[in-house]
Amino acid sequence: MESQTKNCQNCKKDFIIESDDFAFYEKIKVPAPTFCPECRLQRRLAWRNENGFHNRECGFCGKKIISIYSKDFNNVVYCGDCWYGDGWEAADHWQDIDFSKPFLTQFYELCKKVPAMDLFVTAPTLKNSQYCNMADNLKNCYFLYDGNFDENISYASGVYHSKDSLDLTMARKCELCYESITCVNCYKITHCQQCEDCMNVYFSFGLKGCNNCVGCVNLRQKSYCVFNKQYTKEEYEKYLSSLDLSSYKAIERFKETVINFWKKFPKKFMFGLQNLNVSGDYLEHSKNAKTCFGCANLEDSKFCSFIANGPLKTTYDFTHYGDNVELSYECLQSGDGISNCKLNWGVWTNSDNVEYSFSIHGCSSIFGCVGLKKKKYCILNKQYTKEEYEALVSKIIQHMNDVPYVDKRGIEYRYGEFFPDRNFAV
């Protein structure tokens, strides 16, 4: 199919659906979207609470917990240990399909019945890391949001495979680092941005393979430089020892000097490492990835963001996490080996063929479910045979097109549209 111009039913602006986009939608058996890419991203992000914590009590064991859900969120909330435990079963909250009302209305009703997990974490993989969210495989971490395989990391966001560091944003494979942004494979750097393979570097921007530098910009394979000027080792060490950064005010004054120096140099149009045929920003080791941001190890994908490690292949409109994902569409905070998953929030751990579902672990062929673990052929958490399931899913999809869900703004949601934020739910 040739490229077409559509009008977004949300912002009312025109957007283009390319011919290869239509091929993808046909492959995964969804209609073309009626929201533009920017509005689709906003719709997904409206569900994403990264660091808004609230005091609650676990609805199962009664202990005091912190949660991303306030008490205004009417659901029962379980702590991670109880939610992952064997003391309850989400399938006990099943409901029959009611073809007299929109399917998404029934999905929202189920969401309110099933206990929610306090935080978006894989609780069994966290050790001494209670105040973290959107994370897994952490040890001794504190106020870390969006991270995995980290140890002794505090006050950070988007940090992976790192240790013994503070105040990092979008960092990977870093150690003994502080106050740095978008750095990869660095050791003992402070107040740096967009540096790669660096060691003992301070207040620098865009360095690669450098060590022992202060206030430098865009250098490659350099040592003992100050403000891009070459020094001997002895001269550099003398300068470093004379540098007074013993107070916050002194650091701020020096930062101002550094930033003014940075402004004299051209900046690369995007931050990227070992990419081929990509567009967007902050991309690593990706191929044929278009309009993607903050991602690693993508291939043949589009409109993706915040992908921690990958690989992620042949996937559109995917936001956050994304480890080992293939052939998926319009998903949020999902990953860890999933395929053919569409229109979901929180689907993990070797799941496949999951649609319109929330907080799903290790499930296959489910539709409109919440909180299930290791289930198959379920709709609204009710168990069916394979034949019953397949017949009902076809009927539900037709029903979603015939009786669309209408939010408070009057926007219609037929099959193929990600479910709207609860603030706009009827």
Protein backbone atom coordinates (compact mmCIF):
# COMPACT_ATOMS: atom_id res chain seq x y z
CA MET A 1 0.00 0.00 0.00
CA GLU A 2 1.23 3.49 -0.83
CA SER A 3 1.91 6.16 1.79
CA GLN A 4 -1.16 7.99 3.05
CA THR A 5 -1.81 11.21 4.96
CA LYS A 6 -4.13 10.81 7.93
CA ASN A 7 -5.64 13.30 10.35
CA CYS A 8 -4.98 12.54 14.02
CA GLN A 9 -8.28 12.20 15.87
CA ASN A 10 -6.61 13.55 19.02
CA CYS A 11 -4.57 16.65 18.02
CA LYS A 12 -6.28 17.08 14.61
CA LYS A 13 -2.94 17.45 12.81
CA ASP A 14 -2.03 15.52 9.67
CA PHE A 15 0.52 12.71 9.84
CA ILE A 16 1.92 10.32 7.25
CA ILE A 17 1.71 6.53 7.33
CA GLU A 18 4.45 5.17 5.10
CA SER A 19 4.10 2.13 2.85
CA ASP A 20 6.41 0.05 5.09
CA ASP A 21 4.24 1.02 8.06
CA PHE A 22 1.21 -0.48 6.35
CA ALA A 23 3.22 -3.65 5.70
CA PHE A 24 4.01 -3.90 9.42
CA TYR A 25 0.37 -3.37 10.46
CA GLU A 26 -0.75 -6.03 8.00
CA LYS A 27 1.89 -8.44 9.30
CA ILE A 28 0.73 -8.16 12.92
CA LYS A 29 -2.95 -7.94 11.96
CA VAL A 30 -3.89 -4.54 13.34
CA PRO A 31 -5.50 -1.59 11.52
CA ALA A 32 -3.52 1.56 10.85
CA PRO A 33 -3.53 3.96 13.82
CA THR A 34 -5.84 6.96 14.06
CA PHE A 35 -3.50 8.83 16.45
CA CYS A 36 -0.28 10.43 15.17
CA PRO A 37 3.04 9.08 16.54
CA GLU A 38 3.41 11.92 19.06
CA CYS A 39 -0.10 11.45 20.45
CA ARG A 40 0.37 7.68 20.60
CA LEU A 41 3.50 8.22 22.70
CA GLN A 42 1.71 10.67 25.01
CA ARG A 43 -1.14 8.18 25.41
CA ARG A 44 1.26 5.48 26.56
CA LEU A 45 3.28 7.79 28.80
CA ALA A 46 0.12 8.94 30.57
CA TRP A 47 0.12 5.54 32.32
CA ARG A 48 3.81 5.71 33.29
CA ASN A 49 4.48 6.90 36.84
CA GLU A 50 8.24 6.86 37.28
CA ASN A 51 8.82 8.45 40.68
CA GLY A 52 5.52 9.56 42.20
CA PHE A 53 5.45 7.54 45.45
CA HIS A 54 2.59 7.28 47.96
CA ASN A 55 2.24 5.70 51.40
CA ARG A 56 -0.17 2.77 51.50
CA GLU A 57 -0.72 -0.56 53.20
CA CYS A 58 -0.42 -3.90 51.49
CA GLY A 59 -3.92 -5.26 50.96
CA PHE A 60 -2.71 -8.80 51.66
CA CYS A 61 -0.20 -8.73 54.54
CA GLY A 62 -1.07 -5.30 55.91
CA LYS A 63 2.47 -3.92 56.17
CA LYS A 64 3.22 -0.31 55.28
CA ILE A 65 4.49 0.15 51.75
CA ILE A 66 5.23 2.81 49.18
CA SER A 67 3.39 2.61 45.90
CA ILE A 68 3.05 4.40 42.60
CA TYR A 69 -0.70 4.32 43.25
CA SER A 70 -2.25 6.90 45.58
CA LYS A 71 -5.24 6.08 47.76
CA ASP A 72 -7.40 7.82 45.16
CA PHE A 73 -6.63 4.81 42.99
CA ASN A 74 -9.39 2.57 44.27
CA ASN A 75 -7.67 -0.74 43.65
CA VAL A 76 -6.32 -3.00 46.34
CA VAL A 77 -2.50 -2.81 46.17
CA TYR A 78 -0.16 -5.64 47.20
CA CYS A 79 3.51 -5.39 48.11
CA GLY A 80 5.91 -7.09 45.70
CA ASP A 81 6.38 -10.20 47.88
CA CYS A 82 2.64 -10.76 48.20
CA TRP A 83 1.87 -9.95 44.57
CA TYR A 84 4.41 -12.47 43.35
CA GLY A 85 3.48 -14.97 46.06
CA ASP A 86 1.18 -17.96 45.86
CA GLY A 87 -1.39 -16.70 48.37
CA TRP A 88 -3.78 -15.33 45.78
CA GLU A 89 -4.84 -15.94 42.20
CA ALA A 90 -5.77 -13.25 39.69
CA ALA A 91 -7.89 -15.75 37.78
CA ASP A 92 -10.32 -15.77 40.72
CA HIS A 93 -11.43 -12.30 39.61
CA TRP A 94 -12.67 -13.42 36.19
CA GLN A 95 -15.75 -12.03 34.51
CA ASP A 96 -17.87 -13.01 31.53
CA ILE A 97 -17.93 -10.97 28.36
CA ASP A 98 -20.88 -8.61 28.05
CA PHE A 99 -21.56 -7.75 24.42
CA SER A 100 -24.03 -5.05 25.44
CA LYS A 101 -21.23 -2.60 26.33
CA PRO A 102 -17.78 -1.68 24.98
CA PHE A 103 -15.03 -4.17 25.67
CA LEU A 104 -12.65 -1.57 27.10
CA THR A 105 -15.28 -0.65 29.69
CA GLN A 106 -15.21 -4.26 30.86
CA PHE A 107 -11.41 -4.24 30.84
CA TYR A 108 -11.37 -1.19 33.13
CA GLU A 109 -13.82 -2.92 35.46
CA LEU A 110 -11.48 -5.91 35.66
CA CYS A 111 -8.52 -3.61 36.36
CA LYS A 112 -10.32 -2.33 39.44
CA LYS A 113 -11.05 -5.85 40.71
CA VAL A 114 -7.60 -7.37 40.46
CA PRO A 115 -5.01 -6.31 43.09
CA ALA A 116 -2.25 -4.14 41.64
CA MET A 117 1.45 -4.48 42.39
CA ASP A 118 2.79 -1.60 44.50
CA LEU A 119 5.66 -0.74 42.15
CA PHE A 120 6.68 -1.62 38.62
CA VAL A 121 9.53 -3.91 39.65
CA THR A 122 10.45 -7.56 39.49
CA ALA A 123 10.39 -7.82 43.26
CA PRO A 124 12.19 -11.18 43.63
CA THR A 125 15.26 -9.75 41.87
CA LEU A 126 15.64 -6.71 44.15
CA LYS A 127 17.90 -6.82 47.21
CA ASN A 128 17.86 -3.93 49.68
CA SER A 129 16.39 -1.64 47.00
CA GLN A 130 12.95 -0.72 48.35
CA TYR A 131 12.74 2.84 47.02
CA CYS A 132 13.20 2.00 43.36
CA ASN A 133 10.73 1.73 40.51
CA MET A 134 10.61 0.33 36.98
CA ALA A 135 13.56 -1.87 37.79
CA ASP A 136 14.88 -5.40 38.17
CA ASN A 137 18.08 -7.12 39.32
CA LEU A 138 19.20 -4.42 41.76
CA LYS A 139 21.34 -4.57 44.88
CA ASN A 140 21.70 -1.79 47.44
CA CYS A 141 20.07 0.84 45.24
CA TYR A 142 18.13 3.88 46.41
CA PHE A 143 15.80 6.16 44.47
CA LEU A 144 16.73 4.56 41.18
CA TYR A 145 14.09 4.76 38.47
CA ASP A 146 14.33 2.71 35.28
CA GLY A 147 17.35 0.53 35.90
CA ASN A 148 18.52 -3.06 35.86
CA PHE A 149 21.60 -5.06 36.80
CA ASP A 150 22.84 -2.24 39.04
CA GLU A 151 24.59 -2.23 42.42
CA ASN A 152 25.07 0.65 44.85
CA ILE A 153 23.37 3.22 42.62
CA SER A 154 21.40 6.14 44.09
CA TYR A 155 19.43 9.11 42.75
CA ALA A 156 19.49 7.95 39.16
CA SER A 157 17.28 7.28 36.16
CA GLY A 158 17.82 5.13 33.10
CA VAL A 159 20.94 3.38 34.42
CA TYR A 160 21.92 -0.17 33.43
CA HIS A 161 24.76 -2.55 34.31
CA SER A 162 26.43 0.04 36.55
CA LYS A 163 27.74 0.20 40.10
CA ASP A 164 28.96 2.47 42.89
CA SER A 165 27.65 5.72 41.39
CA LEU A 166 25.38 8.66 42.22
CA ASP A 167 23.21 11.11 40.29
CA LEU A 168 23.32 9.53 36.85
CA THR A 169 20.86 9.84 33.98
CA MET A 170 20.83 7.51 30.96
CA ALA A 171 24.09 5.72 31.72
CA ARG A 172 25.30 2.25 30.89
CA LYS A 173 28.25 0.22 32.20
CA CYS A 174 29.52 3.00 34.45
CA GLU A 175 31.40 2.72 37.74
CA LEU A 176 32.39 5.31 40.35
CA CYS A 177 30.65 8.02 38.35
CA TYR A 178 28.83 11.13 39.57
CA GLU A 179 26.55 13.82 38.14
CA SER A 180 26.79 12.61 34.55
CA ILE A 181 24.36 12.21 31.67
CA THR A 182 24.25 9.86 28.67
CA CYS A 183 27.61 8.23 29.28
CA VAL A 184 28.61 4.69 28.33
CA ASN A 185 31.36 2.41 29.66
CA CYS A 186 33.03 5.01 31.85
CA TYR A 187 35.01 4.82 35.08
CA LYS A 188 35.41 7.59 37.62
CA ILE A 189 33.93 10.50 35.71
CA THR A 190 32.07 13.49 37.16
CA HIS A 191 29.90 16.23 35.66
CA CYS A 192 30.22 14.78 32.15
CA GLN A 193 27.85 14.38 29.25
CA GLN A 194 27.85 12.10 26.21
CA CYS A 195 31.17 10.47 27.00
CA GLU A 196 32.16 6.94 25.99
CA ASP A 197 34.99 4.66 27.13
CA CYS A 198 36.48 7.32 29.40
CA MET A 199 38.30 7.23 32.73
CA ASN A 200 39.18 9.95 35.24
CA VAL A 201 37.42 12.63 33.21
CA TYR A 202 35.79 15.72 34.74
CA PHE A 203 33.41 18.40 33.44
CA SER A 204 33.69 17.23 29.82
CA PHE A 205 31.40 16.76 26.84
CA GLY A 206 31.48 14.34 23.91
CA LEU A 207 34.76 12.58 24.73
CA LYS A 208 35.59 9.10 23.48
CA GLY A 209 38.40 6.89 24.68
CA CYS A 210 39.92 9.63 26.85
CA ASN A 211 41.43 9.68 30.31
CA ASN A 212 42.61 12.34 32.72
CA CYS A 213 40.89 15.33 31.14
CA VAL A 214 39.14 18.40 32.58
CA GLY A 215 36.67 20.72 30.82
CA CYS A 216 37.24 19.20 27.39
CA VAL A 217 34.98 18.86 24.34
CA ASN A 218 34.86 16.36 21.45
CA LEU A 219 38.31 14.84 22.04
CA ARG A 220 39.26 11.35 20.89
CA GLN A 221 41.89 9.12 22.51
CA LYS A 222 43.46 11.97 24.47
CA SER A 223 45.08 12.15 27.92
CA TYR A 224 46.13 14.97 30.26
CA CYS A 225 44.13 17.74 28.61
CA VAL A 226 42.56 20.82 30.20
CA PHE A 227 40.02 22.78 28.14
CA ASN A 228 41.28 20.87 25.08
CA LYS A 229 44.88 21.97 25.65
CA GLN A 230 47.53 19.28 25.92
CA TYR A 231 49.60 19.11 29.12
CA THR A 232 52.29 16.79 30.40
CA LYS A 233 51.26 14.36 33.11
CA GLU A 234 53.05 16.44 35.74
CA GLU A 235 51.48 19.71 34.56
CA TYR A 236 48.04 18.13 34.48
CA GLU A 237 48.35 16.71 38.00
CA LYS A 238 49.56 20.09 39.28
CA TYR A 239 46.52 21.80 37.71
CA LEU A 240 44.16 19.18 39.13
CA SER A 241 45.55 19.59 42.63
CA SER A 242 45.17 23.38 42.40
CA LEU A 243 41.53 23.15 41.32
CA ASP A 244 39.33 24.20 44.23
CA LEU A 245 35.98 22.39 44.03
CA SER A 246 35.49 22.04 47.75
CA SER A 247 32.09 23.77 47.89
CA TYR A 248 28.84 23.80 45.95
CA LYS A 249 29.39 27.44 44.99
CA ALA A 250 32.87 26.67 43.65
CA ILE A 251 31.52 23.79 41.58
CA GLU A 252 28.74 25.95 40.16
CA ARG A 253 31.21 28.69 39.21
CA PHE A 254 33.46 26.17 37.49
CA LYS A 255 30.49 24.59 35.70
CA GLU A 256 29.55 27.98 34.30
CA THR A 257 33.07 28.41 32.94
CA VAL A 258 32.98 24.91 31.46
CA ILE A 259 29.59 25.33 29.79
CA ASN A 260 30.67 28.62 28.21
CA PHE A 261 33.70 26.79 26.82
CA TRP A 262 31.51 23.94 25.52
CA LYS A 263 29.41 26.42 23.56
CA LYS A 264 32.37 27.29 21.35
CA PHE A 265 32.37 23.85 19.74
CA PRO A 266 30.00 22.18 17.27
CA LYS A 267 27.78 19.41 18.59
CA LYS A 268 27.03 16.17 16.79
CA PHE A 269 23.50 16.09 15.41
CA MET A 270 22.65 13.07 17.59
CA PHE A 271 24.24 10.88 20.23
CA GLY A 272 24.71 7.46 18.71
CA LEU A 273 27.05 4.49 18.91
CA GLN A 274 27.53 1.96 16.10
CA ASN A 275 24.23 2.49 14.27
CA LEU A 276 23.14 1.90 10.69
CA ASN A 277 20.22 3.64 8.99
CA VAL A 278 18.64 5.15 12.11
CA SER A 279 16.88 8.38 13.05
CA GLY A 280 16.15 9.85 16.46
CA ASP A 281 18.60 10.39 19.31
CA TYR A 282 20.55 8.51 22.00
CA LEU A 283 20.69 5.27 20.03
CA GLU A 284 23.19 2.44 20.38
CA HIS A 285 24.00 -0.61 18.26
CA SER A 286 20.82 -0.31 16.18
CA LYS A 287 19.88 -0.97 12.58
CA ASN A 288 16.92 0.28 10.56
CA ALA A 289 15.41 2.06 13.56
CA LYS A 290 13.40 5.15 12.71
CA THR A 291 12.16 7.90 15.04
CA CYS A 292 13.50 6.14 18.13
CA PHE A 293 14.92 7.72 21.29
CA GLY A 294 16.96 6.40 24.20
CA CYS A 295 17.29 2.87 22.86
CA ALA A 296 19.85 0.10 22.43
CA ASN A 297 19.97 -2.90 20.10
CA LEU A 298 16.99 -2.19 17.87
CA GLU A 299 16.37 -3.64 14.44
CA ASP A 300 13.65 -2.92 11.88
CA SER A 301 11.63 -0.91 14.39
CA LYS A 302 9.95 2.48 14.60
CA PHE A 303 8.59 4.95 17.17
CA CYS A 304 10.31 3.23 20.12
CA SER A 305 11.74 4.88 23.24
CA PHE A 306 13.52 4.02 26.51
CA ILE A 307 14.57 0.51 25.48
CA ALA A 308 17.05 -0.57 28.16
CA ASN A 309 19.05 -3.38 26.61
CA GLY A 310 17.21 -5.02 23.73
CA PRO A 311 17.33 -6.78 21.44
CA LEU A 312 14.06 -5.47 20.06
CA LYS A 313 13.11 -6.45 16.52
CA THR A 314 10.30 -5.66 14.09
CA THR A 315 8.36 -3.64 16.63
CA TYR A 316 6.50 -0.31 16.53
CA ASP A 317 5.37 2.11 19.26
CA PHE A 318 7.10 0.42 22.16
CA THR A 319 8.01 2.44 25.26
CA HIS A 320 10.26 1.40 28.12
CA TYR A 321 12.07 -1.84 28.94
CA GLY A 322 12.06 -4.04 25.82
CA ASP A 323 14.53 -6.84 26.62
CA ASN A 324 14.17 -9.61 24.00
CA VAL A 325 11.09 -8.35 22.17
CA GLU A 326 9.95 -9.24 18.69
CA LEU A 327 6.95 -8.45 16.49
CA SER A 328 5.08 -6.33 19.02
CA TYR A 329 3.08 -3.11 18.87
CA GLU A 330 1.83 -0.35 21.17
CA CYS A 331 3.20 -1.71 24.43
CA LEU A 332 4.41 0.03 27.57
CA GLN A 333 6.86 -1.20 30.23
CA SER A 334 7.07 -4.70 28.80
CA GLY A 335 9.85 -7.13 27.97
CA ASP A 336 11.92 -10.12 29.09
CA GLY A 337 11.23 -12.37 26.15
CA ILE A 338 7.89 -11.43 24.58
CA SER A 339 6.61 -11.78 21.03
CA ASN A 340 3.46 -10.96 19.11
CA CYS A 341 2.19 -8.78 21.96
CA LYS A 342 -0.07 -5.84 21.16
CA LEU A 343 -1.70 -2.98 23.05
CA ASN A 344 -0.46 -3.93 26.52
CA TRP A 345 0.88 -2.34 29.68
CA GLY A 346 3.30 -4.51 31.63
CA VAL A 347 3.74 -7.87 29.90
CA TRP A 348 6.81 -9.83 30.96
CA THR A 349 8.64 -13.13 31.13
CA ASN A 350 8.27 -15.19 27.96
CA SER A 351 4.76 -14.13 27.03
CA ASP A 352 3.36 -14.32 23.52
CA ASN A 353 0.15 -13.51 21.71
CA VAL A 354 -1.08 -11.18 24.47
CA GLU A 355 -3.47 -8.32 23.68
CA TYR A 356 -5.12 -5.55 25.70
CA SER A 357 -3.71 -6.81 28.98
CA PHE A 358 -1.99 -5.45 32.10
CA SER A 359 0.62 -6.95 34.49
CA ILE A 360 1.01 -10.30 32.76
CA HIS A 361 3.76 -12.85 33.46
CA GLY A 362 4.54 -15.88 31.34
CA CYS A 363 1.20 -16.09 29.54
CA SER A 364 0.24 -17.11 26.04
CA SER A 365 -2.88 -16.38 23.99
CA ILE A 366 -4.79 -14.12 26.37
CA PHE A 367 -6.97 -11.10 25.65
CA GLY A 368 -8.10 -8.35 28.02
CA CYS A 369 -6.58 -9.88 31.15
CA VAL A 370 -5.07 -8.44 34.33
CA GLY A 371 -2.47 -9.87 36.72
CA LEU A 372 -2.32 -13.39 35.30
CA LYS A 373 0.72 -15.63 35.62
CA LYS A 374 1.43 -18.65 33.42
CA LYS A 375 -2.05 -18.84 31.91
CA LYS A 376 -3.28 -19.64 28.43
CA TYR A 377 -6.49 -19.05 26.47
CA CYS A 378 -8.03 -16.54 28.88
CA ILE A 379 -10.32 -13.57 28.24
CA LEU A 380 -11.08 -11.13 31.07
CA ASN A 381 -9.23 -13.62 33.30
CA LYS A 382 -11.69 -16.43 32.50
CA GLN A 383 -10.33 -19.74 31.24
CA TYR A 384 -11.50 -21.08 27.85
CA THR A 385 -10.55 -23.91 25.57
CA LYS A 386 -8.39 -23.08 22.56
CA GLU A 387 -11.38 -23.32 20.21
CA GLU A 388 -13.58 -21.18 22.45
CA TYR A 389 -10.84 -18.61 22.88
CA GLU A 390 -10.15 -18.20 19.17
CA ALA A 391 -13.84 -17.87 18.32
CA LEU A 392 -14.46 -15.35 21.10
CA VAL A 393 -11.44 -13.18 20.25
CA SER A 394 -12.66 -12.80 16.66
CA LYS A 395 -16.10 -11.88 17.97
CA ILE A 396 -14.66 -9.38 20.48
CA ILE A 397 -12.55 -7.65 17.82
CA GLN A 398 -15.64 -7.25 15.65
CA HIS A 399 -17.59 -5.98 18.67
CA MET A 400 -14.84 -3.41 19.44
CA ASN A 401 -15.23 -2.06 15.92
CA ASP A 402 -19.03 -2.07 16.01
CA VAL A 403 -19.35 -0.70 19.56
CA PRO A 404 -16.25 1.45 20.15
CA TYR A 405 -15.23 2.74 23.54
CA VAL A 406 -15.73 6.52 23.80
CA ASP A 407 -13.68 8.50 26.31
CA LYS A 408 -14.68 11.68 28.12
CA ARG A 409 -13.45 13.81 25.22
CA GLY A 410 -15.59 11.94 22.73
CA ILE A 411 -12.68 10.13 21.07
CA GLU A 412 -13.54 6.66 19.80
CA TYR A 413 -11.35 3.64 20.47
CA ARG A 414 -11.85 0.74 18.13
CA TYR A 415 -9.69 -2.37 17.93
CA GLY A 416 -6.04 -1.48 17.39
CA GLU A 417 -5.92 1.61 19.63
CA PHE A 418 -4.04 1.54 22.94
CA PHE A 419 -6.44 2.06 25.86
CA PRO A 420 -6.78 5.67 27.08
CA ASP A 421 -5.51 7.01 30.39
CA ARG A 422 -7.86 6.31 33.31
CA ASN A 423 -8.33 10.09 33.71
CA PHE A 424 -10.27 10.04 30.45
CA ALA A 425 -12.08 6.77 31.04
CA VAL A 426 -15.87 6.86 31.15
